[in-house]
Amino acid sequence: MNAQALQAPLFRRSFPRRLFKRTVSVLFKGQYFLVNSGEIGEGGMSLYSDMVMTEGEPLVVNFQIPGGVFVSLRAEIKSTVKENVPTGYVLHGIAFTQIEFALKRQIRSFVSSRKF
């Protein structure tokens, strides 16, 4: 094994994710706008926006869980990627900060289902 492979940190998500190509509404710093989502898991989701949102800042996301209910969840911006996003948008990774167990279960059910 080479030295680079030993030094590189391993990245592993806490929860599996699934493609979730939907429009999501966001409330961020008093502004309400629509963004596109990329993936979802019971711990968070990815968002594509033309607005740069600051890492560590709170936000509220609203969306319909497929086969479930419409939700409004508090979250935090965990990562922002401006480069290498082919659409010209900014990719944001968010983590849900307050989510009920029943909602986690609905998201987990969607992620693990084979329906498209």
Protein backbone atom coordinates (compact mmCIF):
# COMPACT_ATOMS: atom_id res chain seq x y z
CA MET A 1 0.00 0.00 0.00
CA ASN A 2 1.38 3.41 -0.87
CA ALA A 3 1.94 6.23 1.64
CA GLN A 4 -0.85 8.41 0.20
CA ALA A 5 -3.46 5.72 0.74
CA LEU A 6 -2.44 5.41 4.39
CA GLN A 7 -2.71 9.16 5.02
CA ALA A 8 -5.98 9.84 3.18
CA PRO A 9 -8.93 10.06 5.58
CA LEU A 10 -11.79 7.70 4.87
CA PHE A 11 -15.17 9.30 4.26
CA ARG A 12 -18.20 7.25 5.08
CA ARG A 13 -21.73 8.53 5.39
CA SER A 14 -23.66 7.77 8.52
CA PHE A 15 -26.79 6.93 6.52
CA PRO A 16 -27.31 5.62 2.99
CA ARG A 17 -28.73 8.06 0.44
CA ARG A 18 -30.86 7.81 -2.65
CA LEU A 19 -31.37 10.09 -5.65
CA PHE A 20 -34.06 12.64 -4.88
CA LYS A 21 -34.52 14.93 -7.88
CA ARG A 22 -37.21 17.25 -6.56
CA THR A 23 -37.84 20.94 -5.95
CA VAL A 24 -37.39 21.85 -2.30
CA SER A 25 -38.25 25.14 -0.61
CA VAL A 26 -35.68 26.69 1.71
CA LEU A 27 -35.83 29.38 4.37
CA PHE A 28 -32.31 30.75 4.91
CA LYS A 29 -31.45 33.97 6.75
CA GLY A 30 -34.97 35.33 6.28
CA GLN A 31 -35.06 34.55 2.55
CA TYR A 32 -37.44 32.00 1.08
CA PHE A 33 -36.52 30.37 -2.25
CA LEU A 34 -36.73 27.16 -4.27
CA VAL A 35 -33.77 24.87 -4.96
CA ASN A 36 -33.23 21.46 -6.54
CA SER A 37 -32.34 18.47 -4.42
CA GLY A 38 -29.89 15.78 -5.40
CA GLU A 39 -29.91 13.01 -2.79
CA ILE A 40 -31.64 12.30 0.50
CA GLY A 41 -30.98 10.11 3.52
CA GLU A 42 -32.39 10.07 7.01
CA GLY A 43 -29.51 12.26 8.20
CA GLY A 44 -29.66 14.95 5.52
CA MET A 45 -29.74 15.80 1.84
CA SER A 46 -27.91 17.62 -0.93
CA LEU A 47 -29.19 20.81 -2.53
CA TYR A 48 -28.25 22.64 -5.75
CA SER A 49 -28.66 26.40 -5.52
CA ASP A 50 -27.50 29.48 -7.39
CA MET A 51 -27.11 31.13 -3.97
CA VAL A 52 -24.05 30.42 -1.83
CA MET A 53 -25.11 29.43 1.67
CA THR A 54 -22.58 29.60 4.50
CA GLU A 55 -21.36 26.42 6.19
CA GLY A 56 -22.53 26.08 9.78
CA GLU A 57 -25.61 28.26 9.25
CA PRO A 58 -29.12 26.97 10.08
CA LEU A 59 -31.93 26.69 7.55
CA VAL A 60 -35.38 25.16 7.18
CA VAL A 61 -36.22 22.84 4.27
CA ASN A 62 -39.72 21.87 3.13
CA PHE A 63 -40.48 18.91 0.88
CA GLN A 64 -42.72 15.91 0.33
CA ILE A 65 -41.34 12.53 1.38
CA PRO A 66 -42.27 10.14 -1.47
CA GLY A 67 -44.97 7.85 -0.12
CA GLY A 68 -45.04 9.95 3.05
CA VAL A 69 -45.97 13.33 4.42
CA PHE A 70 -45.00 16.92 3.63
CA VAL A 71 -42.30 17.99 6.09
CA SER A 72 -40.64 21.14 7.34
CA LEU A 73 -37.26 20.29 8.89
CA ARG A 74 -34.54 22.29 10.59
CA ALA A 75 -31.08 21.63 9.19
CA GLU A 76 -27.53 22.97 9.07
CA ILE A 77 -25.27 23.61 6.09
CA LYS A 78 -22.41 21.10 6.40
CA SER A 79 -20.59 21.62 3.11
CA THR A 80 -20.52 23.95 0.14
CA VAL A 81 -18.92 23.00 -3.19
CA LYS A 82 -18.61 25.71 -5.85
CA GLU A 83 -16.16 24.06 -8.23
CA ASN A 84 -16.75 21.03 -10.44
CA VAL A 85 -20.53 21.26 -10.24
CA PRO A 86 -21.53 20.80 -13.90
CA THR A 87 -24.79 22.79 -13.76
CA GLY A 88 -23.19 26.04 -12.63
CA TYR A 89 -25.03 25.81 -9.33
CA VAL A 90 -23.51 25.50 -5.87
CA LEU A 91 -23.81 22.08 -4.20
CA HIS A 92 -24.70 22.16 -0.50
CA GLY A 93 -24.71 19.22 1.86
CA ILE A 94 -27.12 19.67 4.75
CA ALA A 95 -27.71 17.69 7.94
CA PHE A 96 -31.10 17.53 9.61
CA THR A 97 -30.77 18.82 13.18
CA GLN A 98 -34.22 18.10 14.57
CA ILE A 99 -36.12 15.20 13.02
CA GLU A 100 -38.74 12.98 14.58
CA PHE A 101 -38.24 9.23 14.53
CA ALA A 102 -41.39 8.71 12.44
CA LEU A 103 -40.04 11.04 9.73
CA LYS A 104 -36.65 9.29 9.77
CA ARG A 105 -38.51 6.02 9.27
CA GLN A 106 -40.40 7.42 6.24
CA ILE A 107 -37.16 8.65 4.66
CA ARG A 108 -35.44 5.33 5.41
CA SER A 109 -38.34 3.49 3.78
CA PHE A 110 -38.00 5.64 0.63
CA VAL A 111 -34.21 5.17 0.49
CA SER A 112 -34.46 1.40 0.84
CA SER A 113 -37.40 0.91 -1.55
CA ARG A 114 -36.81 -0.25 -5.09
CA LYS A 115 -39.57 1.90 -6.61
CA PHE A 116 -38.60 4.86 -8.73
